Amino acid sequence: MTIAQALDALAARLGDRLGRSPSDLALHGANEAHFPAMPPDAVAYPQDTAEVAAIVGICAAHGCPVVAWGAGTSLEGHALPVKGGVTVDFSRMNRLIEVRPEDMLAVVQPGLTREALNTDLRATGLFFPVDPGANASLGGMAATRASGTTAVRYGTMRDNVLALEVVLADGRVIRTGSAARKSSSGYDLTGLFVGSEGTLGLITELTLRLQGQPEAVASAVCGFAEMAAAVETVIATIQSGIPMARIEFLDRAATAAVNAYSQAGLPEQPHLLVEFHGSDAAVAEQSARFGEIAADLGGEDFRWATRPEERNALWKMRHNAYYACLALRPGARAIITDVCVPISALAAAVEETAADIAASSIEGPILGHVGDGNFHAILLVDPGSASDHAEAARLAGRMAERALRLGGTVTGEHGIGMGKIPYMPAEHGAAWEVMGSLKAALDPQGILNPGKVVPQ
């Protein structure tokens, strides 16, 4: 049994929908982060669940690795075929299958992106709330348990996926969950596959929870003289029970980056970006309460945005912050950290991280979805500098260890992939071996996305 034999069988089944051109392989071997290129042996483009099952069945018969591909935006090397094999690109399975407004849910194929879904939903008065920034595919977002700027109010993909259709490693197709809002029937297999990063099965259909479009939306940005005051404002706001839709943090360096990249015109000091959803009265009250807290802690230069175009510009600036930080050091690559701590530990985590970076030899702007304790440092390294990479690895390691010491996790939203595996024993202990046992039970040959998440 060989990969070559699997490819011959797949070519007979898929024809020109099995890509083997150098450009196709290069595209599916690249990544958004610092990992080296790892092209697959071929790229399959299925059109429906039956074809995905056939592809996996053929690969299983020949012991050929199978790696799912959504939009390629993951940041821990999730979709890199470290052992070669076949990448399954879901871009042609991108339909909105059904919208059920009365049940506030949608059924979608995995290749549909979150922005395309929300465009299709505009006439319904509903929207899908999970916003990781990138226009990621919904299948990929489920596989990595993505979250983002709105998680503080609407939750992560874990909270917004009701049911799945999944192709297992032997080609069987199963369905998990239902359209009901809750269930106590058996194991939570939906929760098992959400966040499994393609190591347990390939997601071919999702049933998603939708939200009603809020009557009123208000966004604002405000600056602080010191980072500690901004972080304390976040903590006080959350502990006061104000229902924020978003509350984001930019440190001084990140603010300078978005000014240069997006012509934001913000004072070069730490900033919070906030948003409120609800009725006109509720948004007005929440905004006023937040303004009082921020002012008490030194917030200044409030800029409110109530018109859609102003809000869109504000959040586009935030979503482009990664590219803005990269532009601070032309030619650099980013090692993107991602930790999450209990909200009570946020100030200590951010301040200690900032002190570490200030004492280091590389730049590392800090930003994040701090309303749920999740933040990132964008560590900028010279791709050819071994010392830069070593320093970034040291800083990232200290962030991970700090997060665990403070009762948090080494990843709040980016997932494990291949980049965070070294931290799994410290975070999970014997539970990591249990994850490996689940993997072995569902994928005994180890063909699904090998080299990721579980003990190797």
Protein backbone atom coordinates (compact mmCIF):
# COMPACT_ATOMS: atom_id res chain seq x y z
CA MET A 1 0.00 0.00 0.00
CA THR A 2 1.50 3.35 -1.04
CA ILE A 3 0.53 6.97 -1.52
CA ALA A 4 1.15 6.56 -5.27
CA GLN A 5 -1.43 3.76 -5.46
CA ALA A 6 -3.92 5.92 -3.58
CA LEU A 7 -3.36 8.78 -6.02
CA ASP A 8 -3.94 6.50 -9.02
CA ALA A 9 -7.25 5.36 -7.54
CA LEU A 10 -8.27 8.93 -6.68
CA ALA A 11 -7.41 10.15 -10.19
CA ALA A 12 -9.70 7.50 -11.63
CA ARG A 13 -12.50 8.69 -9.34
CA LEU A 14 -12.02 12.48 -9.49
CA GLY A 15 -10.39 13.15 -12.85
CA ASP A 16 -9.21 16.76 -13.12
CA ARG A 17 -10.47 17.43 -9.59
CA LEU A 18 -7.33 15.78 -8.27
CA GLY A 19 -4.75 18.57 -8.50
CA ARG A 20 -1.07 17.74 -8.86
CA SER A 21 0.33 20.89 -10.47
CA PRO A 22 3.30 22.55 -8.71
CA SER A 23 1.25 25.69 -8.08
CA ASP A 24 -1.61 23.73 -6.52
CA LEU A 25 0.72 21.77 -4.27
CA ALA A 26 2.64 24.90 -3.26
CA LEU A 27 -0.57 26.74 -2.33
CA HIS A 28 -1.69 23.89 -0.07
CA GLY A 29 1.73 23.54 1.51
CA ALA A 30 1.96 27.16 2.61
CA ASN A 31 0.71 28.71 5.86
CA GLU A 32 0.04 32.07 7.48
CA ALA A 33 2.67 31.61 10.18
CA HIS A 34 6.37 30.77 10.43
CA PHE A 35 6.32 27.08 9.59
CA PRO A 36 8.26 25.91 6.50
CA ALA A 37 6.41 24.93 3.33
CA MET A 38 5.11 21.34 3.31
CA PRO A 39 3.31 20.55 0.04
CA PRO A 40 1.01 17.52 -0.20
CA ASP A 41 1.33 14.86 -2.89
CA ALA A 42 -2.04 15.85 -4.37
CA VAL A 43 -5.10 18.03 -3.69
CA ALA A 44 -8.61 16.59 -3.95
CA TYR A 45 -11.61 18.86 -4.62
CA PRO A 46 -14.78 17.01 -3.57
CA GLN A 47 -18.24 18.27 -4.42
CA ASP A 48 -20.33 16.40 -1.86
CA THR A 49 -20.20 14.16 1.19
CA ALA A 50 -20.26 10.97 -0.88
CA GLU A 51 -17.06 12.03 -2.62
CA VAL A 52 -15.38 12.89 0.67
CA ALA A 53 -16.28 9.44 1.97
CA ALA A 54 -14.90 7.85 -1.20
CA ILE A 55 -11.66 9.85 -0.95
CA VAL A 56 -11.14 8.88 2.68
CA GLY A 57 -12.03 5.26 1.96
CA ILE A 58 -9.47 5.04 -0.84
CA CYS A 59 -6.80 6.69 1.30
CA ALA A 60 -7.59 4.35 4.20
CA ALA A 61 -7.20 1.33 1.94
CA HIS A 62 -3.71 2.50 0.96
CA GLY A 63 -2.56 4.01 4.27
CA CYS A 64 -2.39 7.46 2.71
CA PRO A 65 -2.54 10.56 4.98
CA VAL A 66 -5.56 12.87 4.58
CA VAL A 67 -5.54 16.54 5.62
CA ALA A 68 -8.58 18.85 5.45
CA TRP A 69 -8.19 22.35 3.99
CA GLY A 70 -10.61 25.24 4.45
CA ALA A 71 -9.31 28.75 3.74
CA GLY A 72 -5.74 28.14 4.92
CA THR A 73 -5.87 30.87 7.58
CA SER A 74 -4.89 28.76 10.61
CA LEU A 75 -1.85 29.86 12.58
CA GLU A 76 -0.38 26.72 14.15
CA GLY A 77 0.32 24.68 11.02
CA HIS A 78 -2.99 22.81 11.32
CA ALA A 79 -3.41 22.12 7.59
CA LEU A 80 0.21 21.33 6.71
CA PRO A 81 0.63 17.74 5.44
CA VAL A 82 3.67 16.86 7.53
CA LYS A 83 3.68 13.30 6.14
CA GLY A 84 2.55 14.14 2.63
CA GLY A 85 -0.55 12.49 1.25
CA VAL A 86 -3.78 14.10 0.07
CA THR A 87 -5.13 17.50 1.04
CA VAL A 88 -8.92 17.65 0.78
CA ASP A 89 -9.86 21.18 -0.28
CA PHE A 90 -13.48 22.00 0.62
CA SER A 91 -13.73 25.19 -1.45
CA ARG A 92 -16.26 23.57 -3.84
CA MET A 93 -18.50 22.45 -0.97
CA ASN A 94 -19.55 25.99 -0.14
CA ARG A 95 -23.34 26.04 -0.23
CA LEU A 96 -25.81 27.43 2.26
CA ILE A 97 -28.06 24.37 2.38
CA GLU A 98 -30.90 25.67 4.51
CA VAL A 99 -31.93 28.59 6.70
CA ARG A 100 -34.63 28.03 9.32
CA PRO A 101 -35.42 31.52 10.67
CA GLU A 102 -38.05 30.23 13.08
CA ASP A 103 -35.43 27.98 14.71
CA MET A 104 -32.63 30.56 14.30
CA LEU A 105 -30.29 28.09 12.61
CA ALA A 106 -28.57 27.47 9.30
CA VAL A 107 -27.24 24.29 7.69
CA VAL A 108 -24.07 24.85 5.65
CA GLN A 109 -21.34 23.02 3.81
CA PRO A 110 -17.84 23.36 5.32
CA GLY A 111 -16.31 25.46 2.56
CA LEU A 112 -18.75 28.35 3.02
CA THR A 113 -16.99 31.29 4.64
CA ARG A 114 -18.41 33.27 7.55
CA GLU A 115 -18.64 36.48 5.49
CA ALA A 116 -20.48 34.71 2.66
CA LEU A 117 -22.92 33.20 5.17
CA ASN A 118 -23.69 36.58 6.70
CA THR A 119 -24.18 38.08 3.25
CA ASP A 120 -26.72 35.35 2.49
CA LEU A 121 -28.47 35.98 5.82
CA ARG A 122 -28.96 39.74 5.41
CA ALA A 123 -32.62 39.52 4.40
CA THR A 124 -33.52 37.24 7.32
CA GLY A 125 -32.71 39.58 10.18
CA LEU A 126 -30.27 37.01 11.52
CA PHE A 127 -26.49 36.71 11.55
CA PHE A 128 -23.77 34.26 12.52
CA PRO A 129 -21.78 35.92 15.30
CA VAL A 130 -18.40 34.19 15.52
CA ASP A 131 -15.80 36.55 14.04
CA PRO A 132 -12.15 35.39 14.08
CA GLY A 133 -11.07 38.28 11.87
CA ALA A 134 -10.03 36.30 8.82
CA ASN A 135 -12.72 35.30 6.34
CA ALA A 136 -12.28 31.68 7.40
CA SER A 137 -14.32 28.71 6.22
CA LEU A 138 -16.98 27.55 8.66
CA GLY A 139 -15.70 23.97 8.55
CA GLY A 140 -12.23 25.15 9.46
CA MET A 141 -13.61 27.37 12.20
CA ALA A 142 -15.40 24.40 13.73
CA ALA A 143 -12.36 22.14 13.36
CA THR A 144 -10.17 24.63 15.25
CA ARG A 145 -12.87 25.76 17.72
CA ALA A 146 -12.36 29.33 16.54
CA SER A 147 -13.61 32.40 18.36
CA GLY A 148 -12.60 36.06 17.98
CA THR A 149 -13.77 39.55 18.72
CA THR A 150 -17.39 38.72 19.56
CA ALA A 151 -16.78 35.67 21.77
CA VAL A 152 -17.17 37.70 24.95
CA ARG A 153 -20.91 37.94 24.21
CA TYR A 154 -21.79 35.20 21.73
CA GLY A 155 -19.31 32.48 22.61
CA THR A 156 -16.97 30.43 20.43
CA MET A 157 -17.63 27.81 17.78
CA ARG A 158 -18.15 25.33 20.62
CA ASP A 159 -21.26 27.30 21.62
CA ASN A 160 -22.58 27.88 18.11
CA VAL A 161 -22.39 24.46 16.42
CA LEU A 162 -25.53 22.40 17.05
CA ALA A 163 -24.87 19.40 14.82
CA LEU A 164 -22.35 17.98 12.36
CA GLU A 165 -22.01 15.50 9.54
CA VAL A 166 -18.58 13.88 9.69
CA VAL A 167 -16.64 11.38 7.55
CA LEU A 168 -14.61 9.06 9.77
CA ALA A 169 -11.19 7.60 9.01
CA ASP A 170 -12.67 4.42 7.52
CA GLY A 171 -15.03 6.32 5.21
CA ARG A 172 -18.16 5.97 7.35
CA VAL A 173 -20.47 8.98 7.50
CA ILE A 174 -22.03 9.87 10.84
CA ARG A 175 -24.24 12.66 12.13
CA THR A 176 -23.86 14.21 15.57
CA GLY A 177 -26.23 16.46 17.48
CA SER A 178 -29.58 17.76 16.26
CA ALA A 179 -31.51 20.95 15.62
CA ALA A 180 -32.67 20.99 19.24
CA ARG A 181 -31.13 23.60 21.52
CA LYS A 182 -30.13 21.00 24.11
CA SER A 183 -29.85 17.26 24.60
CA SER A 184 -28.78 14.77 27.25
CA SER A 185 -28.67 11.86 24.79
CA GLY A 186 -25.39 9.99 24.87
CA TYR A 187 -21.87 11.33 24.48
CA ASP A 188 -21.41 14.85 23.11
CA LEU A 189 -19.83 13.82 19.81
CA THR A 190 -20.43 17.27 18.33
CA GLY A 191 -18.26 18.74 21.05
CA LEU A 192 -15.65 16.05 20.41
CA PHE A 193 -15.27 16.93 16.73
CA VAL A 194 -15.41 20.71 17.26
CA GLY A 195 -11.78 21.55 17.98
CA SER A 196 -10.37 18.18 16.87
CA GLU A 197 -8.48 19.89 14.01
CA GLY A 198 -9.26 17.21 11.44
CA THR A 199 -7.56 14.46 13.45
CA LEU A 200 -10.75 12.48 14.17
CA GLY A 201 -12.86 13.06 11.05
CA LEU A 202 -13.62 15.42 8.17
CA ILE A 203 -16.58 17.75 8.70
CA THR A 204 -18.89 17.80 5.67
CA GLU A 205 -21.94 19.65 7.03
CA LEU A 206 -22.65 21.97 9.96
CA THR A 207 -25.85 23.09 11.69
CA LEU A 208 -25.14 26.52 13.17
CA ARG A 209 -26.89 28.65 15.80
CA LEU A 210 -27.84 32.12 14.52
CA GLN A 211 -28.54 35.37 16.38
CA GLY A 212 -30.96 38.19 15.73
CA GLN A 213 -29.55 41.38 14.30
CA PRO A 214 -29.43 43.88 17.18
CA GLU A 215 -31.76 46.86 17.04
CA ALA A 216 -28.91 49.22 17.90
CA VAL A 217 -25.11 48.98 17.73
CA ALA A 218 -22.55 51.44 19.08
CA SER A 219 -18.77 51.19 18.89
CA ALA A 220 -16.08 53.29 20.48
CA VAL A 221 -12.35 53.58 20.87
CA CYS A 222 -10.65 55.20 23.84
CA GLY A 223 -7.04 55.69 24.87
CA PHE A 224 -5.20 55.29 28.16
CA ALA A 225 -1.92 56.73 29.31
CA GLU A 226 -0.84 53.36 30.71
CA MET A 227 -1.49 49.78 29.71
CA ALA A 228 -2.40 48.78 33.27
CA ALA A 229 -5.31 51.23 33.32
CA ALA A 230 -6.70 49.84 30.07
CA VAL A 231 -6.52 46.28 31.36
CA GLU A 232 -8.09 47.25 34.70
CA THR A 233 -10.93 48.87 32.74
CA VAL A 234 -11.56 45.57 30.96
CA ILE A 235 -11.63 43.67 34.24
CA ALA A 236 -13.93 46.19 35.93
CA THR A 237 -16.29 46.24 32.94
CA ILE A 238 -16.64 42.45 32.82
CA GLN A 239 -16.99 42.11 36.58
CA SER A 240 -19.70 44.79 36.52
CA GLY A 241 -21.80 42.56 34.27
CA ILE A 242 -21.99 45.01 31.36
CA PRO A 243 -22.90 42.83 28.32
CA MET A 244 -20.17 43.82 25.90
CA ALA A 245 -20.40 42.56 22.32
CA ARG A 246 -16.68 43.21 21.83
CA ILE A 247 -13.88 44.61 23.95
CA GLU A 248 -10.47 44.59 22.31
CA PHE A 249 -7.05 45.81 23.44
CA LEU A 250 -4.15 47.37 21.53
CA ASP A 251 -0.93 48.25 23.32
CA ARG A 252 1.18 51.26 22.40
CA ALA A 253 3.15 49.42 19.70
CA ALA A 254 0.02 47.91 18.16
CA THR A 255 -1.62 51.34 18.09
CA ALA A 256 1.40 52.79 16.28
CA ALA A 257 1.19 49.92 13.80
CA VAL A 258 -2.49 50.46 12.93
CA ASN A 259 -1.88 54.20 12.64
CA ALA A 260 0.80 53.60 10.03
CA TYR A 261 -1.10 50.84 8.21
CA SER A 262 -4.70 52.08 8.36
CA GLN A 263 -4.19 55.82 8.90
CA ALA A 264 -6.20 55.48 12.11
CA GLY A 265 -4.96 58.73 13.63
CA LEU A 266 -5.07 57.43 17.21
CA PRO A 267 -2.84 58.87 19.95
CA GLU A 268 0.11 56.51 20.32
CA GLN A 269 -0.92 54.99 23.62
CA PRO A 270 -2.79 51.83 24.67
CA HIS A 271 -6.40 51.68 23.45
CA LEU A 272 -9.61 49.75 24.00
CA LEU A 273 -12.05 49.14 21.16
CA VAL A 274 -15.57 48.32 22.35
CA GLU A 275 -18.98 47.53 20.91
CA PHE A 276 -22.47 47.22 22.39
CA HIS A 277 -25.50 45.41 20.90
CA GLY A 278 -29.14 45.63 21.97
CA SER A 279 -32.09 47.99 22.00
CA ASP A 280 -31.55 51.73 21.72
CA ALA A 281 -32.11 52.15 25.46
CA ALA A 282 -29.89 49.23 26.43
CA VAL A 283 -27.01 50.33 24.20
CA ALA A 284 -27.23 53.88 25.54
CA GLU A 285 -27.17 52.64 29.14
CA GLN A 286 -24.31 50.18 28.55
CA SER A 287 -22.26 52.80 26.72
CA ALA A 288 -22.76 55.30 29.53
CA ARG A 289 -21.77 52.77 32.20
CA PHE A 290 -18.66 51.77 30.30
CA GLY A 291 -17.75 55.41 29.76
CA GLU A 292 -17.95 56.05 33.51
CA ILE A 293 -15.70 53.09 34.33
CA ALA A 294 -13.16 54.04 31.67
CA ALA A 295 -13.10 57.69 32.73
CA ASP A 296 -12.59 56.73 36.37
CA LEU A 297 -9.54 54.69 35.35
CA GLY A 298 -8.03 57.33 33.08
CA GLY A 299 -9.71 56.67 29.74
CA GLU A 300 -9.64 59.64 27.36
CA ASP A 301 -10.16 60.72 23.76
CA PHE A 302 -13.39 58.73 23.34
CA ARG A 303 -14.45 58.33 19.71
CA TRP A 304 -17.94 56.90 19.21
CA ALA A 305 -19.07 55.29 15.97
CA THR A 306 -22.78 54.66 15.48
CA ARG A 307 -23.01 54.79 11.68
CA PRO A 308 -22.33 51.43 9.96
CA GLU A 309 -19.52 52.81 7.81
CA GLU A 310 -17.72 54.19 10.87
CA ARG A 311 -18.09 50.91 12.77
CA ASN A 312 -16.93 48.91 9.76
CA ALA A 313 -13.84 51.08 9.45
CA LEU A 314 -13.05 50.62 13.14
CA TRP A 315 -13.28 46.83 13.04
CA LYS A 316 -11.51 46.58 9.70
CA MET A 317 -8.63 48.43 11.36
CA ARG A 318 -8.66 45.88 14.21
CA HIS A 319 -8.87 42.89 11.88
CA ASN A 320 -5.92 44.24 9.87
CA ALA A 321 -3.81 44.68 13.00
CA TYR A 322 -1.82 41.50 12.28
CA TYR A 323 -0.72 42.85 8.89
CA ALA A 324 -0.13 46.26 10.44
CA CYS A 325 2.22 44.70 13.00
CA LEU A 326 4.07 42.82 10.25
CA ALA A 327 4.60 46.11 8.44
CA LEU A 328 6.50 47.48 11.47
CA ARG A 329 9.44 45.34 10.36
CA PRO A 330 9.39 44.88 6.57
CA GLY A 331 10.46 41.41 5.55
CA ALA A 332 9.80 39.96 8.99
CA ARG A 333 7.71 36.90 9.78
CA ALA A 334 5.45 36.69 12.78
CA ILE A 335 5.40 34.14 15.54
CA ILE A 336 1.92 34.71 16.90
CA THR A 337 1.32 33.79 20.51
CA ASP A 338 -2.12 33.01 21.89
CA VAL A 339 -2.86 32.54 25.57
CA CYS A 340 -5.99 32.85 27.65
CA VAL A 341 -6.22 33.37 31.41
CA PRO A 342 -9.01 33.89 33.95
CA ILE A 343 -10.16 37.49 33.82
CA SER A 344 -8.86 38.10 37.35
CA ALA A 345 -5.34 37.19 36.17
CA LEU A 346 -5.42 39.28 32.99
CA ALA A 347 -3.52 42.29 34.36
CA ALA A 348 -0.66 40.15 35.67
CA ALA A 349 -0.45 38.15 32.45
CA VAL A 350 -0.38 41.19 30.16
CA GLU A 351 2.00 43.25 32.30
CA GLU A 352 4.50 40.42 32.77
CA THR A 353 4.38 39.65 29.05
CA ALA A 354 4.98 43.30 28.16
CA ALA A 355 7.96 43.44 30.53
CA ASP A 356 9.46 40.32 28.96
CA ILE A 357 9.12 41.75 25.46
CA ALA A 358 10.51 45.15 26.49
CA ALA A 359 13.62 43.41 27.83
CA SER A 360 14.07 41.29 24.70
CA SER A 361 15.83 41.96 21.42
CA ILE A 362 12.73 41.74 19.19
CA GLU A 363 9.51 43.68 18.74
CA GLY A 364 6.23 42.19 19.92
CA PRO A 365 3.07 44.31 19.85
CA ILE A 366 0.32 43.02 22.14
CA LEU A 367 -3.36 42.90 21.23
CA GLY A 368 -6.30 40.67 21.94
CA HIS A 369 -9.88 39.81 22.78
CA VAL A 370 -9.30 40.70 26.39
CA GLY A 371 -12.96 40.54 27.39
CA ASP A 372 -12.52 36.79 27.79
CA GLY A 373 -8.90 36.89 28.95
CA ASN A 374 -7.41 36.05 25.53
CA PHE A 375 -4.50 38.05 24.14
CA HIS A 376 -1.68 37.76 21.63
CA ALA A 377 1.84 39.04 21.15
CA ILE A 378 2.95 39.37 17.52
CA LEU A 379 6.66 38.49 17.76
CA LEU A 380 8.48 39.85 14.72
CA VAL A 381 11.53 37.87 13.60
CA ASP A 382 14.00 38.02 10.76
CA PRO A 383 13.32 34.78 8.81
CA GLY A 384 17.07 34.19 8.44
CA SER A 385 18.05 34.95 12.03
CA ALA A 386 18.50 31.96 14.32
CA SER A 387 18.88 34.28 17.30
CA ASP A 388 15.56 36.02 16.55
CA HIS A 389 13.77 32.68 16.32
CA ALA A 390 15.36 31.48 19.55
CA GLU A 391 14.33 34.66 21.36
CA ALA A 392 10.77 34.43 20.03
CA ALA A 393 10.55 30.80 21.12
CA ARG A 394 11.77 31.79 24.58
CA LEU A 395 9.18 34.57 24.88
CA ALA A 396 6.38 32.35 23.60
CA GLY A 397 7.41 29.64 26.05
CA ARG A 398 7.35 32.06 28.96
CA MET A 399 3.88 33.24 27.92
CA ALA A 400 2.61 29.67 27.81
CA GLU A 401 4.12 28.79 31.18
CA ARG A 402 2.73 32.00 32.68
CA ALA A 403 -0.76 31.25 31.38
CA LEU A 404 -0.68 27.79 32.96
CA ARG A 405 0.67 29.17 36.23
CA LEU A 406 -2.22 31.65 36.33
CA GLY A 407 -4.81 28.94 35.75
CA GLY A 408 -5.25 29.48 32.01
CA THR A 409 -4.50 27.73 28.74
CA VAL A 410 -1.73 27.92 26.14
CA THR A 411 -4.26 28.65 23.40
CA GLY A 412 -7.53 30.51 23.62
CA GLU A 413 -8.49 30.24 19.96
CA HIS A 414 -5.68 29.32 17.56
CA GLY A 415 -5.59 25.66 18.55
CA ILE A 416 -2.72 23.20 18.84
CA GLY A 417 -1.81 22.10 15.32
CA MET A 418 1.87 21.25 15.32
CA GLY A 419 3.04 24.44 17.04
CA LYS A 420 1.62 23.95 20.54
CA ILE A 421 2.15 20.20 21.00
CA PRO A 422 5.14 20.67 23.36
CA TYR A 423 2.86 22.34 25.92
CA MET A 424 0.15 19.67 25.96
CA PRO A 425 1.60 17.47 28.74
CA ALA A 426 1.93 20.44 31.10
CA GLU A 427 -1.62 21.64 30.44
CA HIS A 428 -3.45 18.32 30.35
CA GLY A 429 -1.33 15.76 32.17
CA ALA A 430 -2.76 12.25 31.85
CA ALA A 431 -5.76 13.65 29.95
CA TRP A 432 -3.49 14.15 26.92
CA GLU A 433 -2.94 10.41 26.79
CA VAL A 434 -6.73 9.97 26.86
CA MET A 435 -6.92 12.22 23.79
CA GLY A 436 -4.39 9.93 22.13
CA SER A 437 -6.56 6.93 22.99
CA LEU A 438 -9.59 8.57 21.38
CA LYS A 439 -7.53 9.27 18.28
CA ALA A 440 -6.36 5.65 18.12
CA ALA A 441 -9.92 4.37 18.51
CA LEU A 442 -11.35 6.52 15.70
CA ASP A 443 -8.29 6.55 13.43
CA PRO A 444 -6.24 3.40 14.13
CA GLN A 445 -4.02 3.90 11.08
CA GLY A 446 -3.31 7.51 12.04
CA ILE A 447 -4.09 8.81 8.54
CA LEU A 448 -6.15 11.87 9.54
CA ASN A 449 -3.97 14.97 9.82
CA PRO A 450 -0.99 13.13 11.32
CA GLY A 451 1.48 15.06 13.44
CA LYS A 452 -1.12 17.27 15.11
CA VAL A 453 -2.70 17.70 18.57
CA VAL A 454 -2.17 14.26 20.16
CA PRO A 455 0.92 12.35 21.36
CA GLN A 456 3.02 11.28 18.40
